[in-house]
C-alpha atoms as a PDB file:
ATOM      1  CA  MET A   1       7.397  11.221   2.455  1.00  0.00           C
ATOM      2  CA  SER A   2       9.359  11.389  -0.605  1.00  0.00           C
ATOM      3  CA  LEU A   3       6.407  12.011  -2.857  1.00  0.00           C
ATOM      4  CA  LEU A   4       5.002  14.868  -4.620  1.00  0.00           C
ATOM      5  CA  VAL A   5       0.995  14.198  -5.722  1.00  0.00           C
ATOM      6  CA  THR A   6      -0.057  16.416  -8.285  1.00  0.00           C
ATOM      7  CA  GLY A   7      -3.642  16.828  -9.526  1.00  0.00           C
ATOM      8  CA  SER A   8      -7.030  17.613  -9.405  1.00  0.00           C
ATOM      9  CA  ILE A   9      -8.488  18.973  -5.865  1.00  0.00           C
ATOM     10  CA  ALA A  10     -12.190  19.611  -6.273  1.00  0.00           C
ATOM     11  CA  THR A  11     -15.557  19.149  -4.426  1.00  0.00           C
ATOM     12  CA  ASP A  12     -17.576  16.147  -5.355  1.00  0.00           C
ATOM     13  CA  HIS A  13     -21.530  16.589  -5.816  1.00  0.00           C
ATOM     14  CA  LEU A  14     -22.689  12.793  -5.723  1.00  0.00           C
ATOM     15  CA  MET A  15     -26.074  11.879  -6.540  1.00  0.00           C
ATOM     16  CA  SER A  16     -27.647   8.361  -7.031  1.00  0.00           C
ATOM     17  CA  PHE A  17     -30.409   7.168  -9.287  1.00  0.00           C
ATOM     18  CA  PRO A  18     -32.122   3.956  -8.454  1.00  0.00           C
ATOM     19  CA  GLY A  19     -32.632   2.440 -11.957  1.00  0.00           C
ATOM     20  CA  LYS A  20     -30.208   1.591 -14.964  1.00  0.00           C
ATOM     21  CA  PHE A  21     -28.887   4.360 -17.162  1.00  0.00           C
ATOM     22  CA  ALA A  22     -28.867   1.387 -19.853  1.00  0.00           C
ATOM     23  CA  ASP A  23     -32.379   0.887 -19.757  1.00  0.00           C
ATOM     24  CA  SER A  24     -32.735   5.025 -21.028  1.00  0.00           C
ATOM     25  CA  LEU A  25     -30.457   4.520 -23.739  1.00  0.00           C
ATOM     26  CA  VAL A  26     -31.390   4.015 -27.471  1.00  0.00           C
ATOM     27  CA  VAL A  27     -28.185   3.167 -29.294  1.00  0.00           C
ATOM     28  CA  GLU A  28     -29.582   4.014 -32.496  1.00  0.00           C
ATOM     29  CA  GLN A  29     -30.195   7.600 -30.960  1.00  0.00           C
ATOM     30  CA  LEU A  30     -27.269   8.445 -29.613  1.00  0.00           C
ATOM     31  CA  ASP A  31     -26.342  11.103 -31.669  1.00  0.00           C
ATOM     32  CA  LYS A  32     -29.569  12.808 -30.337  1.00  0.00           C
ATOM     33  CA  ILE A  33     -29.314  12.046 -26.685  1.00  0.00           C
ATOM     34  CA  ALA A  34     -31.356  14.043 -24.424  1.00  0.00           C
ATOM     35  CA  LEU A  35     -31.956  12.820 -20.968  1.00  0.00           C
ATOM     36  CA  SER A  36     -32.206  13.627 -17.438  1.00  0.00           C
ATOM     37  CA  PHE A  37     -32.477  11.346 -14.326  1.00  0.00           C
ATOM     38  CA  LEU A  38     -34.847  11.915 -11.284  1.00  0.00           C
ATOM     39  CA  VAL A  39     -32.120  11.250  -8.268  1.00  0.00           C
ATOM     40  CA  GLU A  40     -32.717  10.003  -4.985  1.00  0.00           C
ATOM     41  CA  ASP A  41     -30.280  11.902  -3.075  1.00  0.00           C
ATOM     42  CA  LEU A  42     -27.297  14.399  -2.986  1.00  0.00           C
ATOM     43  CA  GLU A  43     -24.131  14.392  -1.147  1.00  0.00           C
ATOM     44  CA  VAL A  44     -21.683  17.379  -1.104  1.00  0.00           C
ATOM     45  CA  ARG A  45     -18.350  15.645  -0.392  1.00  0.00           C
ATOM     46  CA  ARG A  46     -14.508  16.665  -0.403  1.00  0.00           C
ATOM     47  CA  GLY A  47     -12.505  15.396  -3.511  1.00  0.00           C
ATOM     48  CA  GLY A  48     -10.494  15.703  -6.278  1.00  0.00           C
ATOM     49  CA  CYS A  49      -7.811  12.703  -7.276  1.00  0.00           C
ATOM     50  CA  ALA A  50      -4.844  14.239  -5.990  1.00  0.00           C
ATOM     51  CA  ALA A  51      -6.618  15.342  -2.788  1.00  0.00           C
ATOM     52  CA  ASN A  52      -8.025  11.710  -2.251  1.00  0.00           C
ATOM     53  CA  ILE A  53      -4.892  10.072  -2.750  1.00  0.00           C
ATOM     54  CA  SER A  54      -3.073  12.424  -0.301  1.00  0.00           C
ATOM     55  CA  PHE A  55      -5.668  12.215   2.334  1.00  0.00           C
ATOM     56  CA  GLY A  56      -5.211   8.285   1.958  1.00  0.00           C
ATOM     57  CA  LEU A  57      -1.502   8.475   2.409  1.00  0.00           C
ATOM     58  CA  GLY A  58      -1.803  10.664   5.452  1.00  0.00           C
ATOM     59  CA  SER A  59      -4.677   8.519   7.199  1.00  0.00           C
ATOM     60  CA  LEU A  60      -1.787   5.669   6.812  1.00  0.00           C
ATOM     61  CA  GLY A  61       0.567   7.976   8.773  1.00  0.00           C
ATOM     62  CA  LEU A  62       2.812   9.281   5.751  1.00  0.00           C
ATOM     63  CA  ARG A  63       3.095  13.266   4.895  1.00  0.00           C
ATOM     64  CA  PRO A  64       2.513  13.573   1.453  1.00  0.00           C
ATOM     65  CA  VAL A  65       3.055  16.905  -0.465  1.00  0.00           C
ATOM     66  CA  LEU A  66      -0.333  17.810  -2.434  1.00  0.00           C
ATOM     67  CA  VAL A  67       0.488  19.947  -5.398  1.00  0.00           C
ATOM     68  CA  GLY A  68      -2.406  22.021  -7.196  1.00  0.00           C
ATOM     69  CA  ALA A  69      -4.564  24.828  -7.925  1.00  0.00           C
ATOM     70  CA  VAL A  70      -7.731  25.881  -5.958  1.00  0.00           C
ATOM     71  CA  GLY A  71      -9.634  28.960  -5.345  1.00  0.00           C
ATOM     72  CA  GLU A  72     -10.058  31.191  -2.465  1.00  0.00           C
ATOM     73  CA  ASP A  73     -13.083  29.100  -1.245  1.00  0.00           C
ATOM     74  CA  PHE A  74     -10.499  26.251  -0.149  1.00  0.00           C
ATOM     75  CA  VAL A  75      -9.919  27.249   3.333  1.00  0.00           C
ATOM     76  CA  ASP A  76     -12.187  24.861   5.280  1.00  0.00           C
ATOM     77  CA  TYR A  77     -11.122  21.820   2.892  1.00  0.00           C
ATOM     78  CA  ARG A  78      -7.240  22.868   3.359  1.00  0.00           C
ATOM     79  CA  SER A  79      -7.774  22.612   7.267  1.00  0.00           C
ATOM     80  CA  TRP A  80      -9.290  19.032   6.978  1.00  0.00           C
ATOM     81  CA  LEU A  81      -6.311  18.190   4.863  1.00  0.00           C
ATOM     82  CA  GLU A  82      -4.015  19.325   7.248  1.00  0.00           C
ATOM     83  CA  ARG A  83      -5.636  18.011  10.211  1.00  0.00           C
ATOM     84  CA  HIS A  84      -5.121  14.521   8.173  1.00  0.00           C
ATOM     85  CA  ASN A  85      -1.378  14.884   7.623  1.00  0.00           C
ATOM     86  CA  VAL A  86      -1.083  16.468   4.217  1.00  0.00           C
ATOM     87  CA  ASP A  87       1.481  19.121   3.459  1.00  0.00           C
ATOM     88  CA  CYS A  88      -0.631  21.936   1.539  1.00  0.00           C
ATOM     89  CA  SER A  89       2.299  24.284   1.387  1.00  0.00           C
ATOM     90  CA  ALA A  90       2.626  23.671  -2.548  1.00  0.00           C
ATOM     91  CA  ILE A  91      -0.726  24.362  -3.372  1.00  0.00           C
ATOM     92  CA  HIS A  92      -1.587  27.701  -5.574  1.00  0.00           C
ATOM     93  CA  VAL A  93      -4.399  29.567  -4.899  1.00  0.00           C
ATOM     94  CA  SER A  94      -6.473  31.451  -7.727  1.00  0.00           C
ATOM     95  CA  GLY A  95      -7.478  34.967  -7.012  1.00  0.00           C
ATOM     96  CA  SER A  96     -10.419  34.680  -9.635  1.00  0.00           C
ATOM     97  CA  ARG A  97     -11.384  30.927  -9.907  1.00  0.00           C
ATOM     98  CA  HIS A  98     -13.416  28.641  -7.799  1.00  0.00           C
ATOM     99  CA  THR A  99     -12.208  25.096  -6.798  1.00  0.00           C
ATOM    100  CA  ALA A 100     -12.879  22.649  -9.138  1.00  0.00           C
ATOM    101  CA  ARG A 101     -16.199  20.856  -9.003  1.00  0.00           C
ATOM    102  CA  PHE A 102     -16.994  17.111  -9.941  1.00  0.00           C
ATOM    103  CA  VAL A 103     -20.990  16.308 -10.487  1.00  0.00           C
ATOM    104  CA  CYS A 104     -21.678  12.535 -10.636  1.00  0.00           C
ATOM    105  CA  THR A 105     -24.636  10.315 -10.929  1.00  0.00           C
ATOM    106  CA  ASN A 106     -24.325   6.713 -10.095  1.00  0.00           C
ATOM    107  CA  ASP A 107     -27.155   3.992 -11.042  1.00  0.00           C
ATOM    108  CA  ALA A 108     -27.989   0.914  -9.503  1.00  0.00           C
ATOM    109  CA  THR A 109     -25.329  -1.095 -11.079  1.00  0.00           C
ATOM    110  CA  MET A 110     -22.880   1.359 -10.265  1.00  0.00           C
ATOM    111  CA  ALA A 111     -22.242   2.654 -13.746  1.00  0.00           C
ATOM    112  CA  GLN A 112     -21.480   6.574 -13.817  1.00  0.00           C
ATOM    113  CA  ILE A 113     -22.529   9.824 -15.575  1.00  0.00           C
ATOM    114  CA  ALA A 114     -20.246  12.723 -14.648  1.00  0.00           C
ATOM    115  CA  SER A 115     -19.211  16.114 -15.459  1.00  0.00           C
ATOM    116  CA  PHE A 116     -16.185  18.229 -14.097  1.00  0.00           C
ATOM    117  CA  TYR A 117     -15.603  21.809 -13.949  1.00  0.00           C
ATOM    118  CA  ALA A 118     -12.307  22.747 -13.764  1.00  0.00           C
ATOM    119  CA  GLY A 119     -12.312  26.218 -12.567  1.00  0.00           C
ATOM    120  CA  ALA A 120      -8.983  27.169 -10.351  1.00  0.00           C
ATOM    121  CA  MET A 121      -7.422  23.691 -11.572  1.00  0.00           C
ATOM    122  CA  THR A 122      -6.605  25.405 -15.030  1.00  0.00           C
ATOM    123  CA  GLU A 123      -3.921  27.498 -13.145  1.00  0.00           C
ATOM    124  CA  ALA A 124      -2.068  24.429 -12.129  1.00  0.00           C
ATOM    125  CA  ARG A 125      -0.130  24.854 -15.408  1.00  0.00           C
ATOM    126  CA  ASP A 126       1.805  27.664 -13.872  1.00  0.00           C
ATOM    127  CA  ILE A 127       3.056  25.794 -11.347  1.00  0.00           C
ATOM    128  CA  GLU A 128       6.733  24.455 -11.344  1.00  0.00           C
ATOM    129  CA  LEU A 129       7.983  21.514  -9.790  1.00  0.00           C
ATOM    130  CA  ARG A 130      11.707  22.338  -8.954  1.00  0.00           C
ATOM    131  CA  PRO A 131      11.205  25.040  -6.289  1.00  0.00           C
ATOM    132  CA  ILE A 132       8.938  22.647  -4.630  1.00  0.00           C
ATOM    133  CA  VAL A 133      11.580  19.770  -4.556  1.00  0.00           C
ATOM    134  CA  ASP A 134      14.456  22.469  -3.831  1.00  0.00           C
ATOM    135  CA  ARG A 135      12.476  23.683  -0.713  1.00  0.00           C
ATOM    136  CA  LEU A 136      11.772  19.997   0.587  1.00  0.00           C
ATOM    137  CA  GLY A 137      15.370  19.176  -0.299  1.00  0.00           C
ATOM    138  CA  GLU A 138      16.545  16.223   2.115  1.00  0.00           C
ATOM    139  CA  HIS A 139      13.094  15.022   2.582  1.00  0.00           C
ATOM    140  CA  LEU A 140      12.557  13.868  -1.100  1.00  0.00           C
ATOM    141  CA  GLY A 141      14.247  10.820  -2.333  1.00  0.00           C
ATOM    142  CA  ASN A 142      13.574   7.176  -1.502  1.00  0.00           C
ATOM    143  CA  ASP A 143      14.947   3.813  -2.378  1.00  0.00           C
ATOM    144  CA  ALA A 144      11.390   2.840  -4.099  1.00  0.00           C
ATOM    145  CA  TRP A 145      12.505   5.657  -6.526  1.00  0.00           C
ATOM    146  CA  ASP A 146      15.969   4.931  -6.745  1.00  0.00           C
ATOM    147  CA  GLY A 147      16.669   7.900  -4.649  1.00  0.00           C
ATOM    148  CA  ARG A 148      15.135  10.536  -6.688  1.00  0.00           C
ATOM    149  CA  PRO A 149      12.252  12.846  -6.232  1.00  0.00           C
ATOM    150  CA  ALA A 150       9.060  11.520  -7.365  1.00  0.00           C
ATOM    151  CA  VAL A 151       5.945  12.963  -8.651  1.00  0.00           C
ATOM    152  CA  LEU A 152       2.685  11.205  -9.201  1.00  0.00           C
ATOM    153  CA  ILE A 153       1.008  13.124 -12.084  1.00  0.00           C
ATOM    154  CA  GLY A 154      -2.766  12.750 -11.451  1.00  0.00           C
ATOM    155  CA  PRO A 155      -5.757  13.980 -13.755  1.00  0.00           C
ATOM    156  CA  ASN A 156      -5.454  17.498 -13.760  1.00  0.00           C
ATOM    157  CA  ASP A 157      -5.387  20.545 -16.309  1.00  0.00           C
ATOM    158  CA  PRO A 158      -3.938  18.616 -19.331  1.00  0.00           C
ATOM    159  CA  GLU A 159      -1.355  21.529 -20.067  1.00  0.00           C
ATOM    160  CA  ALA A 160      -0.212  20.966 -16.211  1.00  0.00           C
ATOM    161  CA  MET A 161      -0.035  17.419 -16.797  1.00  0.00           C
ATOM    162  CA  LEU A 162       2.028  17.683 -19.552  1.00  0.00           C
ATOM    163  CA  ARG A 163       4.232  20.301 -18.118  1.00  0.00           C
ATOM    164  CA  HIS A 164       4.796  18.183 -15.025  1.00  0.00           C
ATOM    165  CA  THR A 165       5.691  15.259 -16.975  1.00  0.00           C
ATOM    166  CA  GLN A 166       8.131  17.067 -19.108  1.00  0.00           C
ATOM    167  CA  GLU A 167       9.900  18.711 -15.981  1.00  0.00           C
ATOM    168  CA  CYS A 168      10.297  15.429 -14.464  1.00  0.00           C
ATOM    169  CA  ARG A 169      11.983  13.987 -17.674  1.00  0.00           C
ATOM    170  CA  ASP A 170      14.407  17.013 -18.031  1.00  0.00           C
ATOM    171  CA  ARG A 171      15.072  17.143 -14.317  1.00  0.00           C
ATOM    172  CA  GLY A 172      15.754  13.363 -13.632  1.00  0.00           C
ATOM    173  CA  TYR A 173      12.561  12.921 -11.329  1.00  0.00           C
ATOM    174  CA  ALA A 174      10.713   9.518 -11.075  1.00  0.00           C
ATOM    175  CA  PHE A 175       7.187  10.043 -12.394  1.00  0.00           C
ATOM    176  CA  LEU A 176       4.226   7.950 -11.742  1.00  0.00           C
ATOM    177  CA  ALA A 177       1.556   8.460 -14.828  1.00  0.00           C
ATOM    178  CA  ASP A 178      -2.172   8.443 -13.975  1.00  0.00           C
ATOM    179  CA  PRO A 179      -3.994   9.885 -16.598  1.00  0.00           C
ATOM    180  CA  SER A 180      -7.184   8.447 -15.608  1.00  0.00           C
ATOM    181  CA  GLN A 181     -10.368  10.625 -16.306  1.00  0.00           C
ATOM    182  CA  GLN A 182      -8.088  12.879 -18.896  1.00  0.00           C
ATOM    183  CA  LEU A 183      -7.749   9.933 -21.105  1.00  0.00           C
ATOM    184  CA  ALA A 184     -10.987  10.428 -22.704  1.00  0.00           C
ATOM    185  CA  PHE A 185     -10.039  13.938 -23.450  1.00  0.00           C
ATOM    186  CA  GLY A 186      -6.551  13.192 -24.635  1.00  0.00           C
ATOM    187  CA  ASP A 187      -5.422  12.337 -28.236  1.00  0.00           C
ATOM    188  CA  GLY A 188      -2.807   9.637 -28.966  1.00  0.00           C
ATOM    189  CA  GLU A 189       0.050  12.239 -28.788  1.00  0.00           C
ATOM    190  CA  MET A 190      -0.902  13.686 -25.321  1.00  0.00           C
ATOM    191  CA  ILE A 191      -1.127  10.097 -23.972  1.00  0.00           C
ATOM    192  CA  ARG A 192       2.045   8.814 -25.426  1.00  0.00           C
ATOM    193  CA  ASP A 193       3.610  11.926 -24.105  1.00  0.00           C
ATOM    194  CA  LEU A 194       2.188  11.068 -20.638  1.00  0.00           C
ATOM    195  CA  VAL A 195       2.979   7.322 -20.335  1.00  0.00           C
ATOM    196  CA  ASP A 196       6.643   7.144 -22.046  1.00  0.00           C
ATOM    197  CA  GLY A 197       9.307   6.454 -19.186  1.00  0.00           C
ATOM    198  CA  ALA A 198       7.040   6.510 -16.239  1.00  0.00           C
ATOM    199  CA  THR A 199       8.099   4.525 -13.512  1.00  0.00           C
ATOM    200  CA  ILE A 200       4.590   3.517 -12.567  1.00  0.00           C
ATOM    201  CA  LEU A 201       1.652   3.578 -14.871  1.00  0.00           C
ATOM    202  CA  PHE A 202      -1.952   3.402 -13.289  1.00  0.00           C
ATOM    203  CA  SER A 203      -5.167   2.535 -14.960  1.00  0.00           C
ATOM    204  CA  ASN A 204      -8.011   0.518 -14.883  1.00  0.00           C
ATOM    205  CA  GLU A 205      -9.154  -2.130 -17.301  1.00  0.00           C
ATOM    206  CA  TYR A 206     -11.118   0.335 -19.472  1.00  0.00           C
ATOM    207  CA  GLU A 207      -8.524   3.074 -19.423  1.00  0.00           C
ATOM    208  CA  ALA A 208      -5.998   0.305 -20.384  1.00  0.00           C
ATOM    209  CA  ALA A 209      -7.792  -0.282 -23.362  1.00  0.00           C
ATOM    210  CA  LEU A 210      -8.122   3.475 -24.248  1.00  0.00           C
ATOM    211  CA  ILE A 211      -4.231   3.926 -23.653  1.00  0.00           C
ATOM    212  CA  THR A 212      -3.440   1.286 -26.264  1.00  0.00           C
ATOM    213  CA  GLN A 213      -6.374   2.113 -28.520  1.00  0.00           C
ATOM    214  CA  LYS A 214      -5.520   5.939 -28.682  1.00  0.00           C
ATOM    215  CA  SER A 215      -1.606   5.655 -28.395  1.00  0.00           C
ATOM    216  CA  GLY A 216      -1.530   3.110 -31.088  1.00  0.00           C
ATOM    217  CA  TRP A 217       0.760   0.919 -28.906  1.00  0.00           C
ATOM    218  CA  SER A 218       0.094  -2.498 -28.060  1.00  0.00           C
ATOM    219  CA  ALA A 219      -0.286  -3.557 -24.500  1.00  0.00           C
ATOM    220  CA  GLU A 220       3.420  -4.907 -24.849  1.00  0.00           C
ATOM    221  CA  GLU A 221       4.688  -1.813 -26.166  1.00  0.00           C
ATOM    222  CA  VAL A 222       3.368   0.340 -23.343  1.00  0.00           C
ATOM    223  CA  LEU A 223       4.623  -2.543 -20.968  1.00  0.00           C
ATOM    224  CA  ALA A 224       8.020  -1.739 -22.676  1.00  0.00           C
ATOM    225  CA  ARG A 225       7.795   1.893 -22.113  1.00  0.00           C
ATOM    226  CA  VAL A 226       7.027   1.972 -18.484  1.00  0.00           C
ATOM    227  CA  GLY A 227       8.566   0.404 -15.518  1.00  0.00           C
ATOM    228  CA  THR A 228       5.484  -1.365 -14.110  1.00  0.00           C
ATOM    229  CA  TRP A 229       1.929  -1.072 -15.027  1.00  0.00           C
ATOM    230  CA  VAL A 230      -0.987  -1.165 -12.335  1.00  0.00           C
ATOM    231  CA  VAL A 231      -4.399  -2.373 -13.724  1.00  0.00           C
ATOM    232  CA  THR A 232      -7.094  -2.015 -11.113  1.00  0.00           C
ATOM    233  CA  LEU A 233     -10.021  -4.531 -11.918  1.00  0.00           C
ATOM    234  CA  GLY A 234     -12.849  -3.623  -9.642  1.00  0.00           C
ATOM    235  CA  ALA A 235     -14.019  -6.541  -7.603  1.00  0.00           C
ATOM    236  CA  GLN A 236     -11.683  -8.881  -8.989  1.00  0.00           C
ATOM    237  CA  GLY A 237      -8.709  -7.006  -7.283  1.00  0.00           C
ATOM    238  CA  VAL A 238      -5.561  -5.650  -9.353  1.00  0.00           C
ATOM    239  CA  ARG A 239      -3.081  -6.925 -11.773  1.00  0.00           C
ATOM    240  CA  ILE A 240       0.604  -5.732 -11.769  1.00  0.00           C
ATOM    241  CA  GLU A 241       2.628  -6.322 -14.847  1.00  0.00           C
ATOM    242  CA  THR A 242       6.463  -5.675 -14.880  1.00  0.00           C
ATOM    243  CA  HIS A 243       8.316  -5.928 -18.616  1.00  0.00           C
ATOM    244  CA  GLY A 244      10.128  -9.401 -18.482  1.00  0.00           C
ATOM    245  CA  ALA A 245       8.386 -10.838 -15.466  1.00  0.00           C
ATOM    246  CA  GLU A 246       5.420 -12.607 -14.501  1.00  0.00           C
ATOM    247  CA  PRO A 247       2.222 -10.739 -13.889  1.00  0.00           C
ATOM    248  CA  VAL A 248       1.141 -10.452 -10.170  1.00  0.00           C
ATOM    249  CA  HIS A 249      -2.734 -10.501  -9.377  1.00  0.00           C
ATOM    250  CA  VAL A 250      -3.918  -9.552  -6.047  1.00  0.00           C
ATOM    251  CA  ALA A 251      -7.475 -10.225  -4.854  1.00  0.00           C
ATOM    252  CA  ALA A 252      -9.982  -7.552  -3.725  1.00  0.00           C
ATOM    253  CA  VAL A 253     -10.861  -7.760  -0.083  1.00  0.00           C
ATOM    254  CA  PRO A 254     -13.769 -10.354   0.490  1.00  0.00           C
ATOM    255  CA  GLY A 255     -16.940  -9.507   2.039  1.00  0.00           C
ATOM    256  CA  VAL A 256     -17.073  -5.864   0.705  1.00  0.00           C
ATOM    257  CA  VAL A 257     -20.780  -4.405   0.378  1.00  0.00           C
ATOM    258  CA  PRO A 258     -20.160  -1.526  -2.357  1.00  0.00           C
ATOM    259  CA  VAL A 259     -22.349   1.704  -1.705  1.00  0.00           C
ATOM    260  CA  GLU A 260     -20.548   4.323  -3.889  1.00  0.00           C
ATOM    261  CA  PRO A 261     -17.403   3.769  -6.243  1.00  0.00           C
ATOM    262  CA  THR A 262     -16.245   7.545  -6.407  1.00  0.00           C
ATOM    263  CA  GLY A 263     -12.693   7.435  -5.100  1.00  0.00           C
ATOM    264  CA  VAL A 264     -12.040   3.759  -4.784  1.00  0.00           C
ATOM    265  CA  GLY A 265      -8.993   3.809  -7.464  1.00  0.00           C
ATOM    266  CA  ASP A 266      -7.531   6.918  -5.413  1.00  0.00           C
ATOM    267  CA  ALA A 267      -7.664   5.070  -2.196  1.00  0.00           C
ATOM    268  CA  PHE A 268      -6.211   2.046  -3.777  1.00  0.00           C
ATOM    269  CA  ARG A 269      -3.241   4.314  -5.018  1.00  0.00           C
ATOM    270  CA  ALA A 270      -2.621   5.649  -1.780  1.00  0.00           C
ATOM    271  CA  GLY A 271      -2.306   2.365  -0.016  1.00  0.00           C
ATOM    272  CA  PHE A 272      -0.211   1.140  -3.242  1.00  0.00           C
ATOM    273  CA  LEU A 273       2.213   4.023  -2.988  1.00  0.00           C
ATOM    274  CA  ALA A 274       2.517   3.968   0.767  1.00  0.00           C
ATOM    275  CA  GLY A 275       3.494   0.086   0.489  1.00  0.00           C
ATOM    276  CA  LEU A 276       6.359   1.180  -2.024  1.00  0.00           C
ATOM    277  CA  GLU A 277       7.445   3.963   0.203  1.00  0.00           C
ATOM    278  CA  TRP A 278       7.917   1.456   2.919  1.00  0.00           C
ATOM    279  CA  GLY A 279       9.919  -0.879   1.029  1.00  0.00           C
ATOM    280  CA  LEU A 280       7.371  -3.638   0.573  1.00  0.00           C
ATOM    281  CA  GLY A 281       6.930  -5.440  -2.411  1.00  0.00           C
ATOM    282  CA  HIS A 282       4.472  -5.166  -5.345  1.00  0.00           C
ATOM    283  CA  GLU A 283       1.879  -7.655  -3.952  1.00  0.00           C
ATOM    284  CA  ARG A 284       1.852  -6.701  -0.400  1.00  0.00           C
ATOM    285  CA  SER A 285       1.459  -2.779  -1.620  1.00  0.00           C
ATOM    286  CA  ALA A 286      -1.252  -4.142  -3.739  1.00  0.00           C
ATOM    287  CA  GLN A 287      -2.829  -5.855  -0.867  1.00  0.00           C
ATOM    288  CA  LEU A 288      -2.366  -2.727   1.070  1.00  0.00           C
ATOM    289  CA  GLY A 289      -4.292  -0.447  -1.576  1.00  0.00           C
ATOM    290  CA  CYS A 290      -7.104  -2.947  -2.024  1.00  0.00           C
ATOM    291  CA  ALA A 291      -7.769  -2.887   1.845  1.00  0.00           C
ATOM    292  CA  LEU A 292      -7.826   0.838   1.750  1.00  0.00           C
ATOM    293  CA  ALA A 293      -9.976   0.868  -1.139  1.00  0.00           C
ATOM    294  CA  ALA A 294     -12.544  -1.248   0.772  1.00  0.00           C
ATOM    295  CA  TYR A 295     -12.935   1.555   3.392  1.00  0.00           C
ATOM    296  CA  VAL A 296     -14.041   3.855   0.581  1.00  0.00           C
ATOM    297  CA  VAL A 297     -16.493   1.954  -1.636  1.00  0.00           C
ATOM    298  CA  GLU A 298     -18.357   0.880   1.608  1.00  0.00           C
ATOM    299  CA  ARG A 299     -19.605   4.659   2.054  1.00  0.00           C
ATOM    300  CA  VAL A 300     -20.528   7.776   0.154  1.00  0.00           C
ATOM    301  CA  GLY A 301     -17.708  10.210  -0.195  1.00  0.00           C
ATOM    302  CA  THR A 302     -13.933   9.697  -0.805  1.00  0.00           C
ATOM    303  CA  GLN A 303     -12.906  10.886   2.564  1.00  0.00           C
ATOM    304  CA  GLU A 304     -15.310   9.879   4.953  1.00  0.00           C
ATOM    305  CA  TYR A 305     -13.162   6.976   6.271  1.00  0.00           C
ATOM    306  CA  ALA A 306     -11.163   6.882   9.683  1.00  0.00           C
ATOM    307  CA  LEU A 307      -8.639   4.047  10.127  1.00  0.00           C
ATOM    308  CA  HIS A 308      -8.492   2.364  13.586  1.00  0.00           C
ATOM    309  CA  HIS A 309      -5.002   0.912  13.454  1.00  0.00           C
ATOM    310  CA  GLN A 310      -6.076  -2.606  15.054  1.00  0.00           C
ATOM    311  CA  ALA A 311      -9.261  -2.873  13.244  1.00  0.00           C
ATOM    312  CA  PHE A 312      -7.596  -2.227  10.087  1.00  0.00           C
ATOM    313  CA  VAL A 313      -4.625  -4.724  10.790  1.00  0.00           C
ATOM    314  CA  ASP A 314      -7.374  -7.347  11.803  1.00  0.00           C
ATOM    315  CA  ARG A 315      -9.212  -7.019   8.427  1.00  0.00           C
ATOM    316  CA  PHE A 316      -6.187  -7.066   6.488  1.00  0.00           C
ATOM    317  CA  ALA A 317      -5.237 -10.190   8.300  1.00  0.00           C
ATOM    318  CA  SER A 318      -8.845 -11.649   7.448  1.00  0.00           C
ATOM    319  CA  ALA A 319      -8.067 -10.802   3.827  1.00  0.00           C
ATOM    320  CA  TYR A 320      -4.525 -11.651   3.126  1.00  0.00           C
ATOM    321  CA  GLY A 321      -3.214 -13.508   6.147  1.00  0.00           C
ATOM    322  CA  ALA A 322      -1.497 -13.007   9.663  1.00  0.00           C
ATOM    323  CA  GLU A 323       2.155 -12.793   7.971  1.00  0.00           C
ATOM    324  CA  ALA A 324       1.108 -10.177   5.551  1.00  0.00           C
ATOM    325  CA  ALA A 325      -0.907  -8.380   8.396  1.00  0.00           C
ATOM    326  CA  ALA A 326       2.270  -8.234  10.465  1.00  0.00           C
ATOM    327  CA  GLU A 327       4.386  -6.666   7.685  1.00  0.00           C
ATOM    328  CA  VAL A 328       1.803  -3.655   7.509  1.00  0.00           C
ATOM    329  CA  ALA A 329       1.363  -3.594  11.196  1.00  0.00           C
ATOM    330  CA  VAL A 330       4.539  -2.381  12.018  1.00  0.00           C
ATOM    331  CA  ARG A 331       4.463   0.471   9.489  1.00  0.00           C
ATOM    332  CA  VAL A 332       0.855   2.026   9.498  1.00  0.00           C
ATOM    333  CA  ARG A 333       0.421   4.712  11.690  1.00  0.00           C
ATOM    334  CA  THR A 334      -3.076   5.655  11.901  1.00  0.00           C
ATOM    335  CA  SER A 335      -4.379   8.573  13.829  1.00  0.00           C
ATOM    336  CA  ARG A 336      -6.746   6.359  16.119  1.00  0.00           C
ATOM    337  CA  PRO A 337      -5.526   3.338  17.936  1.00  0.00           C
END
């Protein structure tokens, strides 16, 4: 695997509200908002964007290098990731802070209200990438990234994201920008710094609007500054834009019954990046991402799925055709036949 995956590593506390948040919002009183919702259940699951992406890559048979900061309470979580083919040797362990916590409530429409406690994640700003790259040496570099080490810079401590982005520029590493949740926090300068020069920019539709609004760049100007812009569209699939080329649209897997949306975008990124690592084109890689995302949205928890090779290939064929499935089948290496 030639990719370092940086970003959050967290525990998810997921709750479900049977009504609609919108029914309790009074637009004229939003500046005085004070609400609580009686939820029906609580699920405590492993999560964090970087860990979710790494788990997905590992589940497909790759061995990603997870880079982030955790607390001493990470022992069981580390064992879980290592059992699923994730290299955890580059993770920093804080001596004083707990692993980050994501607390999220979803309503009946899959709208979300969430909070995030950073905890040990704030120490990710102390991580330097070069020693990791030097240690891994020949294992890094892939034609997908022009033979360079590649770093996915996911939502993380903002200072860590900026430091890792600048280090990639300084050392000539390819970087993939995935600011997602930190877009609401970041100002225009921060967003421009995180995006400019990325080999790939990931966002959903709402985040794409935030990027243009806060950066002051038009969509065309953003696209001129990145190699490829991948915009996920929920149940409508994904749009892939490359400067000077026609957009590629890939439909989502049909027949999916959504249960919980947390981590779906992370699973898509894992599948998409796996496809690129295997030398597949944008369309096939996006199909692979959509297929993996379907497994996450159908259950509660971001890492609760297990891939069975034949069942995965059969489902892929049903969604995207036998020829597409044949390309994927020879590359996917799941832990179960």
